[in-house]
Protein backbone atom coordinates (compact mmCIF):
# COMPACT_ATOMS: atom_id res chain seq x y z
CA UNK A 1 324.36 -223.75 43.25
CA UNK A 2 321.40 -222.14 41.44
CA UNK A 3 318.12 -222.04 43.30
CA UNK A 4 314.74 -221.46 41.65
CA UNK A 5 311.24 -220.88 42.95
CA UNK A 6 308.13 -221.59 40.85
CA UNK A 7 305.08 -219.45 41.69
CA UNK A 8 301.76 -220.79 40.36
CA UNK A 9 298.41 -219.01 40.72
CA UNK A 10 295.96 -221.91 40.65
CA UNK A 11 293.14 -221.39 38.10
CA UNK A 12 294.47 -217.90 37.40
CA UNK A 13 291.70 -216.83 34.94
CA UNK A 14 289.05 -217.77 37.55
CA UNK A 15 290.87 -215.81 40.26
CA UNK A 16 291.06 -212.76 37.98
CA UNK A 17 287.34 -213.09 37.17
CA UNK A 18 286.37 -213.27 40.86
CA UNK A 19 288.61 -210.30 41.69
CA UNK A 20 286.70 -208.31 39.04
CA UNK A 21 283.34 -209.55 40.45
CA UNK A 22 283.84 -210.09 44.20
CA UNK A 23 280.07 -210.39 44.65
CA UNK A 24 280.20 -213.70 42.73
CA UNK A 25 282.20 -215.40 45.49
CA UNK A 26 279.04 -216.73 47.19
CA UNK A 27 277.64 -218.20 43.96
CA UNK A 28 278.67 -220.95 41.54
CA UNK A 29 281.05 -219.23 39.10
CA UNK A 30 282.98 -220.25 35.99
CA UNK A 31 285.18 -218.90 33.19
CA UNK A 32 283.85 -219.31 29.63
CA UNK A 33 285.75 -219.69 26.39
CA UNK A 34 283.04 -217.58 24.67
CA UNK A 35 279.91 -215.80 25.85
CA UNK A 36 277.43 -217.99 24.01
CA UNK A 37 275.09 -220.85 24.94
CA UNK A 38 277.43 -223.20 23.06
CA UNK A 39 280.46 -221.83 24.90
CA UNK A 40 282.29 -224.20 27.23
CA UNK A 41 283.16 -223.90 30.91
CA UNK A 42 286.93 -223.72 31.43
CA UNK A 43 287.54 -223.11 35.15
CA UNK A 44 284.99 -223.53 37.97
CA UNK A 45 284.98 -222.56 41.63
CA UNK A 46 284.18 -225.00 44.42
CA UNK A 47 280.46 -224.13 44.56
CA UNK A 48 280.10 -224.82 40.83
CA UNK A 49 281.83 -228.19 41.16
CA UNK A 50 279.63 -229.10 44.13
CA UNK A 51 276.62 -228.36 41.90
CA UNK A 52 277.95 -231.14 39.60
CA UNK A 53 279.20 -228.84 36.87
CA UNK A 54 282.49 -229.70 35.20
CA UNK A 55 285.03 -228.30 32.74
CA UNK A 56 284.04 -228.70 29.10
CA UNK A 57 280.29 -228.48 29.80
CA UNK A 58 278.24 -226.25 27.51
CA UNK A 59 277.14 -222.94 29.03
CA UNK A 60 273.48 -223.47 28.10
CA UNK A 61 273.50 -226.94 29.64
CA UNK A 62 275.11 -225.60 32.82
CA UNK A 63 272.48 -222.83 33.12
CA UNK A 64 269.71 -225.38 32.81
CA UNK A 65 271.18 -227.30 35.77
CA UNK A 66 272.23 -224.25 37.84
CA UNK A 67 270.18 -221.15 36.86
CA UNK A 68 272.06 -218.92 39.32
CA UNK A 69 275.46 -219.72 37.75
CA UNK A 70 277.71 -216.67 37.29
CA UNK A 71 279.97 -216.96 34.24
CA UNK A 72 281.91 -214.69 31.89
CA UNK A 73 284.82 -214.57 29.46
CA UNK A 74 288.17 -213.27 30.75
CA UNK A 75 289.90 -211.49 27.87
CA UNK A 76 293.63 -211.78 27.22
CA UNK A 77 294.28 -208.10 27.95
CA UNK A 78 292.88 -208.41 31.48
CA UNK A 79 294.95 -211.55 32.08
CA UNK A 80 298.06 -209.78 30.84
CA UNK A 81 297.46 -206.77 33.09
CA UNK A 82 296.89 -209.01 36.12
CA UNK A 83 299.99 -211.04 35.27
CA UNK A 84 302.10 -207.89 35.06
CA UNK A 85 300.74 -206.72 38.42
CA UNK A 86 301.84 -210.03 39.92
CA UNK A 87 305.26 -209.71 38.28
CA UNK A 88 305.78 -206.27 39.83
CA UNK A 89 305.12 -207.71 43.28
CA UNK A 90 307.44 -210.67 42.64
CA UNK A 91 310.16 -208.26 41.51
CA UNK A 92 310.36 -207.02 45.12
CA UNK A 93 311.32 -210.54 46.25
CA UNK A 94 313.78 -211.56 43.54
CA UNK A 95 316.14 -209.73 41.16
CA UNK A 96 315.03 -211.98 38.27
CA UNK A 97 311.41 -212.86 37.50
CA UNK A 98 310.58 -214.99 34.45
CA UNK A 99 306.97 -215.41 33.30
CA UNK A 100 305.89 -218.65 31.64
CA UNK A 101 305.46 -218.16 27.90
CA UNK A 102 302.03 -219.80 27.65
CA UNK A 103 300.57 -220.04 31.18
CA UNK A 104 299.58 -216.66 32.67
CA UNK A 105 299.96 -216.56 36.42
CA UNK A 106 303.01 -218.87 36.48
CA UNK A 107 306.49 -217.48 37.16
CA UNK A 108 310.01 -218.58 38.00
CA UNK A 109 312.07 -216.57 40.47
CA UNK A 110 315.84 -216.75 40.79
CA UNK A 111 316.37 -217.12 44.56
CA UNK A 112 320.07 -218.01 44.52
CA UNK A 113 321.72 -216.58 47.61
CA UNK A 114 318.45 -216.00 49.47
CA UNK A 115 319.47 -218.55 52.13
CA UNK A 116 321.94 -215.96 53.39
CA UNK A 117 319.07 -213.56 54.14
CA UNK A 118 316.41 -215.93 55.48
CA UNK A 119 316.92 -218.66 58.09
CA UNK A 120 314.21 -220.84 56.48
CA UNK A 121 312.46 -220.84 53.13
CA UNK A 122 309.10 -220.35 54.89
CA UNK A 123 310.29 -216.93 56.10
CA UNK A 124 310.66 -215.90 52.45
CA UNK A 125 307.64 -217.72 50.99
CA UNK A 126 304.88 -216.85 53.46
CA UNK A 127 305.18 -213.02 53.34
CA UNK A 128 305.10 -213.20 49.53
CA UNK A 129 301.98 -215.40 49.51
CA UNK A 130 300.31 -213.16 52.09
CA UNK A 131 301.00 -209.99 50.08
CA UNK A 132 299.58 -211.44 46.86
CA UNK A 133 296.53 -212.71 48.75
CA UNK A 134 295.75 -209.57 50.73
CA UNK A 135 296.64 -206.86 48.20
CA UNK A 136 295.76 -208.50 44.87
CA UNK A 137 293.37 -211.27 45.95
CA UNK A 138 295.55 -213.93 44.24
CA UNK A 139 296.25 -217.28 45.91
CA UNK A 140 299.49 -218.97 44.86
CA UNK A 141 301.56 -222.07 45.59
CA UNK A 142 305.36 -221.75 45.68
CA UNK A 143 307.92 -224.53 45.34
CA UNK A 144 311.62 -223.79 45.90
CA UNK A 145 314.12 -226.11 44.27
CA UNK A 146 317.11 -226.30 41.96
CA UNK A 147 315.74 -226.36 38.38
CA UNK A 148 312.95 -224.63 36.53
CA UNK A 149 311.49 -227.88 35.24
CA UNK A 150 311.62 -229.63 38.61
CA UNK A 151 309.85 -226.82 40.49
CA UNK A 152 307.29 -226.45 37.68
CA UNK A 153 306.44 -230.17 37.63
CA UNK A 154 306.08 -230.37 41.41
CA UNK A 155 303.97 -227.22 41.88
CA UNK A 156 301.62 -228.25 39.05
CA UNK A 157 301.16 -231.80 40.31
CA UNK A 158 301.01 -231.35 44.10
CA UNK A 159 299.28 -227.94 44.37
CA UNK A 160 301.30 -227.35 47.55
CA UNK A 161 304.09 -225.05 48.72
CA UNK A 162 307.43 -226.30 49.97
CA UNK A 163 311.19 -226.45 49.44
CA UNK A 164 313.69 -229.17 48.47
CA UNK A 165 316.98 -229.45 50.31
CA UNK A 166 318.77 -231.56 47.67
CA UNK A 167 318.58 -231.83 43.86
CA UNK A 168 317.99 -235.58 44.18
CA UNK A 169 314.76 -235.15 46.12
CA UNK A 170 313.51 -232.57 43.66
CA UNK A 171 314.24 -234.91 40.75
CA UNK A 172 312.43 -237.83 42.42
CA UNK A 173 309.35 -235.71 43.11
CA UNK A 174 309.31 -234.25 39.58
CA UNK A 175 309.46 -237.72 37.98
CA UNK A 176 306.24 -238.68 39.78
CA UNK A 177 304.33 -235.75 38.23
CA UNK A 178 301.40 -236.82 35.98
CA UNK A 179 301.79 -235.78 32.36
CA UNK A 180 298.21 -234.46 32.14
CA UNK A 181 299.12 -231.65 34.59
CA UNK A 182 302.13 -230.36 32.64
CA UNK A 183 300.42 -228.32 29.91
CA UNK A 184 300.59 -230.87 27.08
CA UNK A 185 297.94 -230.76 24.32
CA UNK A 186 295.05 -233.21 24.66
CA UNK A 187 296.06 -234.94 21.40
CA UNK A 188 299.54 -235.66 22.82
CA UNK A 189 298.07 -236.91 26.11
CA UNK A 190 295.72 -239.31 24.33
CA UNK A 191 298.64 -240.83 22.39
CA UNK A 192 300.68 -241.05 25.61
CA UNK A 193 297.86 -242.95 27.36
CA UNK A 194 297.69 -245.45 24.52
CA UNK A 195 301.42 -246.06 25.08
CA UNK A 196 300.88 -246.49 28.83
CA UNK A 197 302.70 -243.25 29.72
CA UNK A 198 301.22 -241.52 32.75
CA UNK A 199 304.11 -239.82 34.60
CA UNK A 200 307.35 -238.04 33.78
CA UNK A 201 309.21 -241.16 34.89
CA UNK A 202 307.32 -243.22 32.27
CA UNK A 203 308.24 -240.65 29.62
CA UNK A 204 311.93 -240.73 30.55
CA UNK A 205 311.96 -244.51 30.17
CA UNK A 206 311.39 -244.13 26.40
CA UNK A 207 314.24 -243.53 23.93
CA UNK A 208 314.56 -239.93 22.74
CA UNK A 209 313.86 -240.71 19.08
CA UNK A 210 310.76 -242.69 20.04
CA UNK A 211 309.36 -239.72 21.98
CA UNK A 212 309.93 -237.37 19.05
CA UNK A 213 308.44 -239.76 16.47
CA UNK A 214 305.43 -240.94 18.47
CA UNK A 215 304.50 -237.87 20.55
CA UNK A 216 305.80 -234.90 18.60
CA UNK A 217 308.03 -231.89 19.28
CA UNK A 218 306.05 -230.55 22.24
CA UNK A 219 306.49 -233.76 24.25
CA UNK A 220 310.10 -234.10 23.07
CA UNK A 221 310.87 -230.64 24.43
CA UNK A 222 309.37 -231.62 27.80
CA UNK A 223 311.40 -234.84 27.66
CA UNK A 224 314.67 -232.95 27.13
CA UNK A 225 313.86 -230.49 29.94
CA UNK A 226 313.12 -233.37 32.31
CA UNK A 227 316.46 -234.99 31.43
CA UNK A 228 318.31 -231.70 31.92
CA UNK A 229 319.47 -231.55 28.28
CA UNK A 230 317.48 -228.40 27.51
CA UNK A 231 317.41 -225.20 29.49
CA UNK A 232 314.84 -222.65 28.32
CA UNK A 233 316.29 -219.21 27.52
CA UNK A 234 315.91 -216.54 30.17
CA UNK A 235 312.97 -214.18 29.59
CA UNK A 236 313.19 -211.92 32.62
CA UNK A 237 310.36 -209.55 33.37
CA UNK A 238 311.56 -205.98 32.95
CA UNK A 239 309.94 -203.57 35.35
CA UNK A 240 309.99 -200.31 33.47
CA UNK A 241 309.56 -196.98 35.18
CA UNK A 242 306.47 -195.08 34.13
CA UNK A 243 307.00 -191.92 32.13
CA UNK A 244 305.00 -189.86 34.60
CA UNK A 245 304.93 -186.28 35.87
CA UNK A 246 302.64 -184.47 38.32
CA UNK A 247 301.91 -180.97 39.62
CA UNK A 248 300.32 -179.98 42.94
CA UNK A 249 298.66 -176.56 42.77
CA UNK A 250 298.58 -174.27 45.82
CA UNK A 251 295.33 -172.74 44.61
CA UNK A 252 292.59 -174.43 42.60
CA UNK A 253 292.96 -173.69 38.90
CA UNK A 254 289.79 -173.02 36.88
CA UNK A 255 291.32 -171.75 33.64
CA UNK A 256 291.80 -174.33 30.86
CA UNK A 257 294.59 -172.32 29.18
CA UNK A 258 296.71 -172.21 32.36
CA UNK A 259 296.17 -175.96 32.84
CA UNK A 260 297.31 -176.47 29.25
CA UNK A 261 300.49 -174.50 30.07
CA UNK A 262 301.18 -176.87 33.01
CA UNK A 263 300.73 -179.90 30.76
CA UNK A 264 302.98 -178.41 28.07
CA UNK A 265 305.69 -177.73 30.66
CA UNK A 266 306.03 -181.46 31.39
CA UNK A 267 305.33 -182.77 27.88
CA UNK A 268 308.87 -182.28 26.51
CA UNK A 269 310.35 -184.16 29.49
CA UNK A 270 307.98 -187.10 28.94
CA UNK A 271 308.79 -187.22 25.22
CA UNK A 272 312.54 -187.21 26.01
CA UNK A 273 312.06 -190.24 28.32
CA UNK A 274 310.25 -192.13 25.57
CA UNK A 275 312.84 -191.19 22.96
CA UNK A 276 315.65 -192.55 25.17
CA UNK A 277 313.80 -195.91 25.19
CA UNK A 278 313.47 -195.86 21.40
CA UNK A 279 309.72 -195.20 21.65
CA UNK A 280 307.22 -192.62 20.54
CA UNK A 281 304.15 -191.43 22.39
CA UNK A 282 301.12 -193.62 21.67
CA UNK A 283 298.81 -192.19 24.34
CA UNK A 284 298.88 -189.57 27.08
CA UNK A 285 296.77 -190.26 30.18
CA UNK A 286 295.63 -187.07 31.88
CA UNK A 287 294.17 -187.04 35.42
CA UNK A 288 292.86 -183.76 36.85
CA UNK A 289 292.17 -184.11 40.56
CA UNK A 290 289.51 -182.05 42.33
CA UNK A 291 289.16 -181.60 46.08
CA UNK A 292 285.39 -181.78 46.35
CA UNK A 293 284.41 -183.86 43.29
CA UNK A 294 285.54 -186.93 41.39
CA UNK A 295 288.71 -186.75 39.30
CA UNK A 296 288.53 -185.85 35.63
CA UNK A 297 290.26 -188.44 33.45
CA UNK A 298 291.05 -188.32 29.74
CA UNK A 299 293.28 -190.19 27.29
CA UNK A 300 294.78 -188.30 24.36
CA UNK A 301 295.91 -190.59 21.53
CA UNK A 302 297.40 -189.29 18.25
CA UNK A 303 296.60 -190.97 14.97
CA UNK A 304 299.99 -192.70 15.11
CA UNK A 305 302.85 -192.74 17.65
CA UNK A 306 304.70 -189.44 17.52
CA UNK A 307 307.25 -187.22 19.26
CA UNK A 308 305.65 -184.02 17.93
CA UNK A 309 305.00 -181.90 21.03
CA UNK A 310 302.98 -179.36 19.06
CA UNK A 311 300.56 -182.00 17.78
CA UNK A 312 300.06 -183.47 21.27
CA UNK A 313 299.55 -180.00 22.76
CA UNK A 314 296.83 -179.24 20.21
CA UNK A 315 295.00 -182.50 21.06
CA UNK A 316 295.27 -181.75 24.80
CA UNK A 317 293.80 -178.30 24.19
CA UNK A 318 290.79 -179.79 22.39
CA UNK A 319 290.20 -182.25 25.24
CA UNK A 320 290.48 -179.60 27.96
CA UNK A 321 287.88 -177.46 26.23
CA UNK A 322 285.32 -180.24 26.72
CA UNK A 323 286.14 -180.93 30.41
CA UNK A 324 284.46 -179.04 33.30
CA UNK A 325 287.70 -177.60 34.71
CA UNK A 326 285.84 -174.54 36.01
CA UNK A 327 284.98 -176.59 39.11
CA UNK A 328 288.61 -176.20 40.24
CA UNK A 329 291.69 -178.42 39.68
CA UNK A 330 294.07 -179.13 42.57
CA UNK A 331 296.50 -181.66 41.01
CA UNK A 332 297.59 -182.58 37.49
CA UNK A 333 298.98 -186.07 36.71
CA UNK A 334 300.42 -187.02 33.31
CA UNK A 335 301.39 -190.54 32.21
CA UNK A 336 302.92 -191.13 28.76
CA UNK A 337 302.51 -194.55 27.15
CA UNK A 338 305.03 -195.34 24.46
CA UNK A 339 305.20 -197.70 21.49
CA UNK A 340 308.22 -198.91 19.57
CA UNK A 341 308.18 -197.80 15.96
CA UNK A 342 310.35 -198.30 12.92
CA UNK A 343 311.29 -195.70 10.34
CA UNK A 344 309.52 -196.23 7.03
CA UNK A 345 311.90 -197.11 4.24
CA UNK A 346 312.33 -194.63 1.39
CA UNK A 347 310.85 -195.83 -1.86
CA UNK A 348 311.68 -194.79 -5.39
CA UNK A 349 308.04 -194.44 -6.39
CA UNK A 350 305.78 -193.25 -3.60
CA UNK A 351 302.18 -194.40 -3.72
CA UNK A 352 299.75 -191.49 -3.70
CA UNK A 353 296.25 -192.86 -3.25
CA UNK A 354 293.35 -190.50 -4.01
CA UNK A 355 292.30 -190.71 -0.33
CA UNK A 356 294.76 -189.46 2.30
CA UNK A 357 294.54 -192.10 5.02
CA UNK A 358 296.95 -190.26 7.34
CA UNK A 359 294.85 -187.09 7.15
CA UNK A 360 291.70 -189.07 7.96
CA UNK A 361 293.36 -190.66 10.99
CA UNK A 362 294.49 -187.23 12.19
CA UNK A 363 290.92 -185.98 11.90
CA UNK A 364 289.63 -188.96 13.89
CA UNK A 365 292.30 -188.34 16.55
CA UNK A 366 291.03 -184.76 16.93
CA UNK A 367 287.47 -186.04 17.35
CA UNK A 368 288.58 -188.48 20.05
CA UNK A 369 290.56 -185.74 21.76
CA UNK A 370 287.58 -183.39 21.88
CA UNK A 371 284.69 -185.78 22.52
CA UNK A 372 286.34 -188.85 24.08
CA UNK A 373 287.45 -192.29 22.87
CA UNK A 374 283.85 -193.52 22.43
CA UNK A 375 283.11 -190.81 19.86
CA UNK A 376 284.73 -192.85 17.05
CA UNK A 377 283.60 -196.47 16.84
CA UNK A 378 283.12 -199.16 14.22
CA UNK A 379 280.84 -202.16 13.92
CA UNK A 380 282.25 -205.62 14.71
CA UNK A 381 280.06 -208.65 13.82
CA UNK A 382 279.41 -211.03 16.72
CA UNK A 383 277.54 -214.28 17.14
CA UNK A 384 274.13 -213.84 18.75
CA UNK A 385 270.55 -215.03 18.60
CA UNK A 386 268.79 -211.64 18.40
CA UNK A 387 269.47 -208.97 15.74
CA UNK A 388 270.81 -206.51 18.35
CA UNK A 389 273.27 -209.19 19.52
CA UNK A 390 274.76 -209.74 16.05
CA UNK A 391 277.10 -206.74 16.27
CA UNK A 392 278.91 -204.59 18.80
CA UNK A 393 280.54 -201.16 18.68
CA UNK A 394 284.30 -201.03 19.30
CA UNK A 395 286.58 -197.97 19.46
CA UNK A 396 288.26 -197.31 16.11
CA UNK A 397 291.97 -196.70 16.61
CA UNK A 398 292.97 -196.47 12.97
CA UNK A 399 291.06 -196.11 9.72
CA UNK A 400 291.60 -198.79 7.07
CA UNK A 401 290.69 -198.35 3.43
CA UNK A 402 288.65 -201.03 1.63
CA UNK A 403 290.38 -203.32 -0.83
CA UNK A 404 288.84 -202.18 -4.12
CA UNK A 405 290.59 -204.97 -6.03
CA UNK A 406 288.40 -207.54 -4.29
CA UNK A 407 285.18 -205.55 -4.69
CA UNK A 408 282.57 -206.82 -7.11
CA UNK A 409 281.94 -204.18 -9.78
CA UNK A 410 278.56 -205.73 -10.59
CA UNK A 411 277.37 -205.84 -6.99
CA UNK A 412 274.00 -204.20 -6.50
CA UNK A 413 273.67 -201.41 -3.91
CA UNK A 414 272.58 -202.61 -0.49
CA UNK A 415 270.05 -200.95 1.77
CA UNK A 416 271.39 -199.52 5.02
CA UNK A 417 269.40 -200.28 8.16
CA UNK A 418 269.58 -197.86 11.08
CA UNK A 419 269.14 -199.59 14.44
CA UNK A 420 267.64 -197.78 17.37
CA UNK A 421 269.55 -198.16 20.68
CA UNK A 422 266.37 -199.59 22.20
CA UNK A 423 263.23 -200.66 20.27
CA UNK A 424 260.54 -197.93 20.31
CA UNK A 425 257.03 -198.89 21.37
CA UNK A 426 254.32 -198.43 18.68
CA UNK A 427 250.57 -198.38 18.54
CA UNK A 428 248.73 -201.37 17.10
CA UNK A 429 250.25 -201.99 13.64
CA UNK A 430 248.27 -205.12 12.73
CA UNK A 431 246.36 -203.21 10.03
CA UNK A 432 249.45 -201.62 8.44
CA UNK A 433 250.32 -202.74 4.86
CA UNK A 434 253.19 -205.22 5.03
CA UNK A 435 255.94 -205.21 2.41
CA UNK A 436 257.61 -208.35 3.78
CA UNK A 437 257.07 -210.70 6.68
CA UNK A 438 256.42 -212.08 9.11
CA UNK A 439 259.92 -213.35 9.87
CA UNK A 440 259.83 -215.13 13.21
CA UNK A 441 262.62 -215.25 15.79
CA UNK A 442 261.96 -217.65 18.64
CA UNK A 443 264.18 -219.06 21.37
CA UNK A 444 266.47 -217.61 24.03
CA UNK A 445 265.45 -220.18 26.65
CA UNK A 446 268.99 -220.10 28.11
CA UNK A 447 268.52 -216.48 29.28
CA UNK A 448 264.90 -215.43 28.72
CA UNK A 449 262.24 -216.60 26.30
CA UNK A 450 261.93 -214.52 23.09
CA UNK A 451 259.20 -214.73 20.44
CA UNK A 452 259.12 -211.95 17.81
CA UNK A 453 257.46 -211.57 14.40
CA UNK A 454 259.36 -209.07 12.21
CA UNK A 455 257.68 -207.10 9.39
CA UNK A 456 258.85 -204.56 6.83
CA UNK A 457 256.26 -201.83 6.20
CA UNK A 458 256.08 -198.59 4.21
CA UNK A 459 254.56 -195.70 6.15
CA UNK A 460 254.59 -191.97 5.30
CA UNK A 461 257.38 -192.40 2.78
CA UNK A 462 259.54 -194.32 5.26
CA UNK A 463 260.56 -197.97 5.20
CA UNK A 464 260.22 -199.28 8.78
CA UNK A 465 261.43 -202.51 10.36
CA UNK A 466 259.01 -203.47 13.13
CA UNK A 467 258.21 -206.54 15.20
CA UNK A 468 255.42 -207.90 17.36
CA UNK A 469 256.58 -209.20 20.77
CA UNK A 470 254.37 -212.16 21.76
CA UNK A 471 255.67 -212.11 25.35
CA UNK A 472 254.68 -208.47 25.92
CA UNK A 473 251.90 -208.45 23.29
CA UNK A 474 253.11 -205.12 21.90
CA UNK A 475 254.48 -203.68 18.66
CA UNK A 476 257.99 -202.14 18.48
CA UNK A 477 260.01 -200.16 15.95
CA UNK A 478 263.50 -201.72 15.75
CA UNK A 479 265.03 -199.98 12.73
CA UNK A 480 264.53 -197.84 9.66
CA UNK A 481 265.92 -198.04 6.11
């Protein structure tokens, strides 16, 4: 008989946030849906709940009640990395690990046959929980049963660990699970409450067509899983070996050309590994270890995934020339990251735009290789109260050309404003001739009070964007046209 274990990391985004900021553990802390005063609190720790904060509360409102609240957004990439780290640990305890499609931090493990290796389920569960807690700082609950739906429903509703000895007991426990803990949309839950449906048992009492018509496909899928009519397809986690090579040097190497030769010696092997997987090299992580000083780390990324060893070698050479290898390198570690690509179809008439986008991307790749990933960035608009909060700089991986078809031929040229990284303090500018202004920005009570009067002035042939800070009672230069 099949046996399944459901592993659930309770409030997984909050646990990931606190593992990134361990110093927040002694403070009220929460996960935000967006870093903005109007953002909402998603997950809260015990101290935040004791301070009478709750999920769904606005961030600005929560700060007014608890000024020492610690809160941040947990991005999807960090959640995915943490989830994969968990999956690698779980892979040591089961030959098949299946992540939930929509809930990070929730997994099913195939534990069929484990009873032959462990006298009790606690002997298998407790070491796994202890390893996740001590090594990764993740607390989990584990329920061992006979079906994926049954273990999922029980672990989500009871928040406890345990094991079922018979399928009947698992089924009885799963039918008592409240629907609002089983990842159904709020709109579906509100309709279910109006129908008097609170548990899985209530849902199963309805006819199948009534569930589909009244509650929709999402609830109907849960209904079929609870009845045993639907078994989700297997989506096992595949633990892939890293394409990695290393060299330990008997004597410290201080010559960049000899280090380049060591890298080149392993590069063909790494590219062969990627090619066998049907991948091309998207990035090469280079770590140069030093005995007395911190390691030198660099990432070399071509303009597009490639298997061209000569191109990669040239980019590595440019990066090595900018690293202080003369301090002595004792170990070299290379990790190749691949990406699946498809061959571009041949076309009868090839488009030849006047601007060569591929050549531009190759030039940007050489800049990143020589000066680092932060050397090539682009502006991304963001929501913020202050002018400096209305944009952020993000690394530019690939150049995109503007769509000239949508451009307005009659559009007038726009002035370009150059921001300074930090406003520059000025002498008293109250007597300067003003071209425009004042334009007042006032607010920021949720972080710190801000009151600025912006002016546009012409001075010495320059068009300056300045402001008077009422809090500091000083003038500042913020930008120039």
